[in-house]
Amino acid sequence: MSTTSETQLDNDPRSLIEFEKIRFELAWRHFDLHARQRTTMFHFFILLVPFVFGGCFFLFKEREVVGSFPAIVAAGAGALLASIFSLLDLRNKQLYGVSKEALGLIEEQFLFATYRPLKVSGSNYPGVITTEAQRYGHNNLLKHSLLMGGVYWLTLLMFLVLAGYFLGVRQGCIKLSLSSALSTSHV
């Protein structure tokens, strides 16, 4: 920013207020976009996974007709899907973390500054983002990140185990009982 623009902002309170509004709006929109994108993506994943699991089991059940290879490929594709969603979630988390940091600075320097404090139990309230960081820090056990990441990795593991099981049946390493073989042939 040039010195003439800085001088204009310093001399015109309305320009300064508009500048701070733009700064806040940019940080907020960036945060909102990536936080919503992350939760929408997680919801989509939660809705998609049962269909992929169902497809794997259907293909496995119909292995006498289509062979067992499609079930193995479907389980592998499910594992790949879970890992891709996990990486996308990590990237969204990084992106909204950047804007959360900017919002924290705006909160600290403008919204909850010492010249107009909010009092809580006789002391100044530091702000929402600052309070969360003070109370919970980087303890991921108390945040959604651990749960969301756990769902992605557990799903990845389940698809890999399923692919291994299907491969074991295909190779003859795992023998199915007669009752399960009969139940699949009657359908």
C-alpha atoms as a PDB file:
ATOM      1  CA  MET A   1       0.000   0.000   0.000  1.00  0.00           C
ATOM      2  CA  SER A   2       1.425   3.358  -0.922  1.00  0.00           C
ATOM      3  CA  THR A   3       2.082   6.056   1.643  1.00  0.00           C
ATOM      4  CA  THR A   4      -0.601   8.312   0.126  1.00  0.00           C
ATOM      5  CA  SER A   5      -3.207   5.581   0.634  1.00  0.00           C
ATOM      6  CA  GLU A   6      -2.039   5.062   4.206  1.00  0.00           C
ATOM      7  CA  THR A   7      -2.236   8.781   4.868  1.00  0.00           C
ATOM      8  CA  GLN A   8      -5.737   8.887   3.401  1.00  0.00           C
ATOM      9  CA  LEU A   9      -6.833   5.995   5.661  1.00  0.00           C
ATOM     10  CA  ASP A  10      -5.314   7.665   8.707  1.00  0.00           C
ATOM     11  CA  ASN A  11      -7.043  10.985   7.954  1.00  0.00           C
ATOM     12  CA  ASP A  12     -10.460   9.621   6.989  1.00  0.00           C
ATOM     13  CA  PRO A  13     -12.158   7.516   9.690  1.00  0.00           C
ATOM     14  CA  ARG A  14     -14.848   6.326   7.283  1.00  0.00           C
ATOM     15  CA  SER A  15     -12.253   4.999   4.849  1.00  0.00           C
ATOM     16  CA  LEU A  16     -10.504   3.254   7.710  1.00  0.00           C
ATOM     17  CA  ILE A  17     -13.765   1.653   8.863  1.00  0.00           C
ATOM     18  CA  GLU A  18     -14.546   0.505   5.312  1.00  0.00           C
ATOM     19  CA  PHE A  19     -11.026  -0.885   4.989  1.00  0.00           C
ATOM     20  CA  GLU A  20     -11.449  -2.890   8.208  1.00  0.00           C
ATOM     21  CA  LYS A  21     -14.866  -4.139   7.046  1.00  0.00           C
ATOM     22  CA  ILE A  22     -13.334  -5.356   3.791  1.00  0.00           C
ATOM     23  CA  ARG A  23     -10.522  -7.050   5.688  1.00  0.00           C
ATOM     24  CA  PHE A  24     -12.982  -8.800   8.012  1.00  0.00           C
ATOM     25  CA  GLU A  25     -15.299  -9.751   5.132  1.00  0.00           C
ATOM     26  CA  LEU A  26     -12.439 -11.325   3.190  1.00  0.00           C
ATOM     27  CA  ALA A  27     -11.269 -13.372   6.172  1.00  0.00           C
ATOM     28  CA  TRP A  28     -14.814 -14.397   7.081  1.00  0.00           C
ATOM     29  CA  ARG A  29     -15.800 -15.456   3.560  1.00  0.00           C
ATOM     30  CA  HIS A  30     -12.622 -17.488   3.192  1.00  0.00           C
ATOM     31  CA  PHE A  31     -13.262 -19.216   6.514  1.00  0.00           C
ATOM     32  CA  ASP A  32     -16.942 -19.794   5.793  1.00  0.00           C
ATOM     33  CA  LEU A  33     -16.288 -21.213   2.323  1.00  0.00           C
ATOM     34  CA  HIS A  34     -13.742 -23.777   3.452  1.00  0.00           C
ATOM     35  CA  ALA A  35     -15.501 -24.721   6.687  1.00  0.00           C
ATOM     36  CA  ARG A  36     -18.753 -25.342   4.785  1.00  0.00           C
ATOM     37  CA  GLN A  37     -16.895 -27.171   2.065  1.00  0.00           C
ATOM     38  CA  ARG A  38     -15.332 -29.439   4.663  1.00  0.00           C
ATOM     39  CA  THR A  39     -18.618 -30.332   6.357  1.00  0.00           C
ATOM     40  CA  THR A  40     -20.454 -30.742   3.036  1.00  0.00           C
ATOM     41  CA  MET A  41     -17.727 -33.052   1.816  1.00  0.00           C
ATOM     42  CA  PHE A  42     -17.936 -35.104   5.014  1.00  0.00           C
ATOM     43  CA  HIS A  43     -21.729 -35.403   4.678  1.00  0.00           C
ATOM     44  CA  PHE A  44     -21.327 -36.533   1.072  1.00  0.00           C
ATOM     45  CA  PHE A  45     -18.765 -39.115   2.165  1.00  0.00           C
ATOM     46  CA  ILE A  46     -21.067 -40.437   4.883  1.00  0.00           C
ATOM     47  CA  LEU A  47     -23.873 -40.813   2.341  1.00  0.00           C
ATOM     48  CA  LEU A  48     -21.657 -42.388  -0.333  1.00  0.00           C
ATOM     49  CA  VAL A  49     -19.837 -45.027   1.740  1.00  0.00           C
ATOM     50  CA  PRO A  50     -22.851 -47.279   2.502  1.00  0.00           C
ATOM     51  CA  PHE A  51     -23.595 -47.546  -1.212  1.00  0.00           C
ATOM     52  CA  VAL A  52     -20.008 -48.516  -1.988  1.00  0.00           C
ATOM     53  CA  PHE A  53     -20.032 -51.093   0.837  1.00  0.00           C
ATOM     54  CA  GLY A  54     -23.353 -52.433  -0.418  1.00  0.00           C
ATOM     55  CA  GLY A  55     -21.956 -52.684  -3.942  1.00  0.00           C
ATOM     56  CA  CYS A  56     -18.930 -54.599  -2.657  1.00  0.00           C
ATOM     57  CA  PHE A  57     -21.084 -57.108  -0.821  1.00  0.00           C
ATOM     58  CA  PHE A  58     -23.495 -57.451  -3.749  1.00  0.00           C
ATOM     59  CA  LEU A  59     -20.609 -58.134  -6.137  1.00  0.00           C
ATOM     60  CA  PHE A  60     -19.135 -60.622  -3.676  1.00  0.00           C
ATOM     61  CA  LYS A  61     -22.471 -62.375  -3.334  1.00  0.00           C
ATOM     62  CA  GLU A  62     -22.756 -62.589  -7.128  1.00  0.00           C
ATOM     63  CA  ARG A  63     -19.170 -63.809  -7.581  1.00  0.00           C
ATOM     64  CA  GLU A  64     -20.414 -67.037  -9.203  1.00  0.00           C
ATOM     65  CA  VAL A  65     -21.853 -64.911 -12.031  1.00  0.00           C
ATOM     66  CA  VAL A  66     -19.410 -61.973 -12.325  1.00  0.00           C
ATOM     67  CA  GLY A  67     -16.331 -63.481 -10.690  1.00  0.00           C
ATOM     68  CA  SER A  68     -14.672 -62.271  -7.522  1.00  0.00           C
ATOM     69  CA  PHE A  69     -12.391 -59.733  -9.183  1.00  0.00           C
ATOM     70  CA  PRO A  70     -15.060 -56.951  -9.443  1.00  0.00           C
ATOM     71  CA  ALA A  71     -15.688 -57.162  -5.673  1.00  0.00           C
ATOM     72  CA  ILE A  72     -11.947 -56.813  -4.998  1.00  0.00           C
ATOM     73  CA  VAL A  73     -11.723 -53.829  -7.361  1.00  0.00           C
ATOM     74  CA  ALA A  74     -14.799 -52.225  -5.766  1.00  0.00           C
ATOM     75  CA  ALA A  75     -13.295 -52.599  -2.277  1.00  0.00           C
ATOM     76  CA  GLY A  76      -9.994 -51.163  -3.540  1.00  0.00           C
ATOM     77  CA  ALA A  77     -11.866 -48.266  -5.121  1.00  0.00           C
ATOM     78  CA  GLY A  78     -13.636 -47.670  -1.788  1.00  0.00           C
ATOM     79  CA  ALA A  79     -10.257 -47.546  -0.023  1.00  0.00           C
ATOM     80  CA  LEU A  80      -8.955 -45.111  -2.633  1.00  0.00           C
ATOM     81  CA  LEU A  81     -12.081 -42.999  -2.233  1.00  0.00           C
ATOM     82  CA  ALA A  82     -11.624 -42.856   1.555  1.00  0.00           C
ATOM     83  CA  SER A  83      -7.985 -41.796   1.214  1.00  0.00           C
ATOM     84  CA  ILE A  84      -8.872 -39.083  -1.334  1.00  0.00           C
ATOM     85  CA  PHE A  85     -11.592 -37.704   0.941  1.00  0.00           C
ATOM     86  CA  SER A  86      -9.140 -37.758   3.846  1.00  0.00           C
ATOM     87  CA  LEU A  87      -6.576 -35.743   1.877  1.00  0.00           C
ATOM     88  CA  LEU A  88      -9.223 -33.263   0.714  1.00  0.00           C
ATOM     89  CA  ASP A  89     -10.374 -32.867   4.307  1.00  0.00           C
ATOM     90  CA  LEU A  90      -6.804 -32.155   5.390  1.00  0.00           C
ATOM     91  CA  ARG A  91      -6.472 -29.482   2.706  1.00  0.00           C
ATOM     92  CA  ASN A  92      -9.771 -27.826   3.683  1.00  0.00           C
ATOM     93  CA  LYS A  93      -8.638 -27.848   7.306  1.00  0.00           C
ATOM     94  CA  GLN A  94      -5.428 -26.067   6.305  1.00  0.00           C
ATOM     95  CA  LEU A  95      -7.333 -23.469   4.278  1.00  0.00           C
ATOM     96  CA  TYR A  96      -9.844 -22.557   6.956  1.00  0.00           C
ATOM     97  CA  GLY A  97      -7.030 -22.528   9.524  1.00  0.00           C
ATOM     98  CA  VAL A  98      -5.383 -19.651   7.647  1.00  0.00           C
ATOM     99  CA  SER A  99      -8.538 -17.557   7.717  1.00  0.00           C
ATOM    100  CA  LYS A 100      -9.229 -18.544  11.335  1.00  0.00           C
ATOM    101  CA  GLU A 101      -5.842 -17.073  12.229  1.00  0.00           C
ATOM    102  CA  ALA A 102      -6.746 -13.818  10.433  1.00  0.00           C
ATOM    103  CA  LEU A 103     -10.111 -13.723  12.201  1.00  0.00           C
ATOM    104  CA  GLY A 104      -8.322 -14.270  15.514  1.00  0.00           C
ATOM    105  CA  LEU A 105      -6.118 -11.244  14.861  1.00  0.00           C
ATOM    106  CA  ILE A 106      -9.127  -9.107  13.918  1.00  0.00           C
ATOM    107  CA  GLU A 107     -10.901 -10.321  17.028  1.00  0.00           C
ATOM    108  CA  GLU A 108      -7.917  -9.543  19.238  1.00  0.00           C
ATOM    109  CA  GLN A 109      -7.009  -6.152  17.775  1.00  0.00           C
ATOM    110  CA  PHE A 110     -10.426  -4.714  16.901  1.00  0.00           C
ATOM    111  CA  LEU A 111     -13.453  -6.591  18.152  1.00  0.00           C
ATOM    112  CA  PHE A 112     -12.317  -7.328  21.709  1.00  0.00           C
ATOM    113  CA  ALA A 113      -9.648  -4.654  22.097  1.00  0.00           C
ATOM    114  CA  THR A 114      -8.907  -3.058  25.469  1.00  0.00           C
ATOM    115  CA  TYR A 115     -10.443   0.303  24.529  1.00  0.00           C
ATOM    116  CA  ARG A 116     -13.962  -1.229  24.569  1.00  0.00           C
ATOM    117  CA  PRO A 117     -13.781  -4.490  26.506  1.00  0.00           C
ATOM    118  CA  LEU A 118     -16.504  -6.953  27.383  1.00  0.00           C
ATOM    119  CA  LYS A 119     -16.315  -7.822  31.055  1.00  0.00           C
ATOM    120  CA  VAL A 120     -16.708 -11.405  32.258  1.00  0.00           C
ATOM    121  CA  SER A 121     -16.265 -12.077  35.967  1.00  0.00           C
ATOM    122  CA  GLY A 122     -14.381  -8.797  36.358  1.00  0.00           C
ATOM    123  CA  SER A 123     -11.885  -9.392  33.554  1.00  0.00           C
ATOM    124  CA  ASN A 124     -11.814  -8.619  29.853  1.00  0.00           C
ATOM    125  CA  TYR A 125     -13.276 -11.256  27.563  1.00  0.00           C
ATOM    126  CA  PRO A 126     -10.568 -12.042  24.975  1.00  0.00           C
ATOM    127  CA  GLY A 127     -12.917 -13.225  22.209  1.00  0.00           C
ATOM    128  CA  VAL A 128     -14.332 -16.482  20.890  1.00  0.00           C
ATOM    129  CA  ILE A 129     -11.311 -17.751  18.947  1.00  0.00           C
ATOM    130  CA  THR A 130      -8.866 -16.725  21.653  1.00  0.00           C
ATOM    131  CA  THR A 131     -10.998 -18.333  24.371  1.00  0.00           C
ATOM    132  CA  GLU A 132     -11.213 -21.590  22.416  1.00  0.00           C
ATOM    133  CA  ALA A 133      -7.441 -21.634  21.950  1.00  0.00           C
ATOM    134  CA  GLN A 134      -6.872 -20.932  25.659  1.00  0.00           C
ATOM    135  CA  ARG A 135      -9.282 -23.617  26.827  1.00  0.00           C
ATOM    136  CA  TYR A 136      -8.568 -26.398  24.368  1.00  0.00           C
ATOM    137  CA  GLY A 137      -5.327 -25.477  22.631  1.00  0.00           C
ATOM    138  CA  HIS A 138      -4.320 -28.113  20.120  1.00  0.00           C
ATOM    139  CA  ASN A 139      -6.032 -30.943  21.990  1.00  0.00           C
ATOM    140  CA  ASN A 140      -7.581 -32.798  19.055  1.00  0.00           C
ATOM    141  CA  LEU A 141      -9.421 -35.181  21.364  1.00  0.00           C
ATOM    142  CA  LEU A 142     -11.892 -32.408  22.059  1.00  0.00           C
ATOM    143  CA  LYS A 143     -12.384 -31.337  18.433  1.00  0.00           C
ATOM    144  CA  HIS A 144     -14.201 -32.656  15.384  1.00  0.00           C
ATOM    145  CA  SER A 145     -10.970 -33.154  13.448  1.00  0.00           C
ATOM    146  CA  LEU A 146     -10.117 -36.351  15.283  1.00  0.00           C
ATOM    147  CA  LEU A 147     -13.584 -37.787  14.730  1.00  0.00           C
ATOM    148  CA  MET A 148     -13.747 -36.854  11.065  1.00  0.00           C
ATOM    149  CA  GLY A 149     -10.236 -38.129  10.378  1.00  0.00           C
ATOM    150  CA  GLY A 150     -11.027 -41.284  12.335  1.00  0.00           C
ATOM    151  CA  VAL A 151     -14.058 -41.958  10.166  1.00  0.00           C
ATOM    152  CA  TYR A 152     -11.985 -41.567   6.994  1.00  0.00           C
ATOM    153  CA  TRP A 153      -9.176 -43.815   8.211  1.00  0.00           C
ATOM    154  CA  LEU A 154     -11.501 -46.423   9.719  1.00  0.00           C
ATOM    155  CA  THR A 155     -13.393 -46.580   6.429  1.00  0.00           C
ATOM    156  CA  LEU A 156     -10.112 -46.938   4.532  1.00  0.00           C
ATOM    157  CA  LEU A 157      -9.072 -49.778   6.828  1.00  0.00           C
ATOM    158  CA  MET A 158     -12.444 -51.526   6.491  1.00  0.00           C
ATOM    159  CA  PHE A 159     -12.280 -51.378   2.681  1.00  0.00           C
ATOM    160  CA  LEU A 160      -8.735 -52.755   2.709  1.00  0.00           C
ATOM    161  CA  VAL A 161      -9.752 -55.595   5.038  1.00  0.00           C
ATOM    162  CA  LEU A 162     -12.739 -56.289   2.809  1.00  0.00           C
ATOM    163  CA  ALA A 163     -10.520 -56.378  -0.303  1.00  0.00           C
ATOM    164  CA  GLY A 164      -8.134 -58.714   1.523  1.00  0.00           C
ATOM    165  CA  TYR A 165     -10.986 -60.988   2.527  1.00  0.00           C
ATOM    166  CA  PHE A 166     -12.346 -61.100  -1.014  1.00  0.00           C
ATOM    167  CA  LEU A 167      -8.844 -61.818  -2.330  1.00  0.00           C
ATOM    168  CA  GLY A 168      -8.393 -64.561   0.271  1.00  0.00           C
ATOM    169  CA  VAL A 169     -11.631 -66.197  -0.826  1.00  0.00           C
ATOM    170  CA  ARG A 170     -10.593 -65.902  -4.478  1.00  0.00           C
ATOM    171  CA  GLN A 171      -7.186 -67.479  -3.802  1.00  0.00           C
ATOM    172  CA  GLY A 172      -8.732 -70.268  -1.749  1.00  0.00           C
ATOM    173  CA  CYS A 173      -6.967 -69.187   1.451  1.00  0.00           C
ATOM    174  CA  ILE A 174     -10.333 -68.610   3.102  1.00  0.00           C
ATOM    175  CA  LYS A 175     -12.877 -71.393   2.779  1.00  0.00           C
ATOM    176  CA  LEU A 176     -16.496 -70.399   3.144  1.00  0.00           C
ATOM    177  CA  SER A 177     -18.770 -72.718   5.079  1.00  0.00           C
ATOM    178  CA  LEU A 178     -21.289 -74.814   3.201  1.00  0.00           C
ATOM    179  CA  SER A 179     -24.228 -72.835   4.634  1.00  0.00           C
ATOM    180  CA  SER A 180     -22.832 -69.520   3.366  1.00  0.00           C
ATOM    181  CA  ALA A 181     -22.049 -71.073  -0.018  1.00  0.00           C
ATOM    182  CA  LEU A 182     -25.604 -72.419  -0.246  1.00  0.00           C
ATOM    183  CA  SER A 183     -27.163 -69.102   0.772  1.00  0.00           C
ATOM    184  CA  THR A 184     -25.309 -67.261  -1.990  1.00  0.00           C
ATOM    185  CA  SER A 185     -26.185 -69.833  -4.653  1.00  0.00           C
ATOM    186  CA  HIS A 186     -29.935 -69.763  -3.916  1.00  0.00           C
ATOM    187  CA  VAL A 187     -30.304 -66.067  -4.655  1.00  0.00           C
END
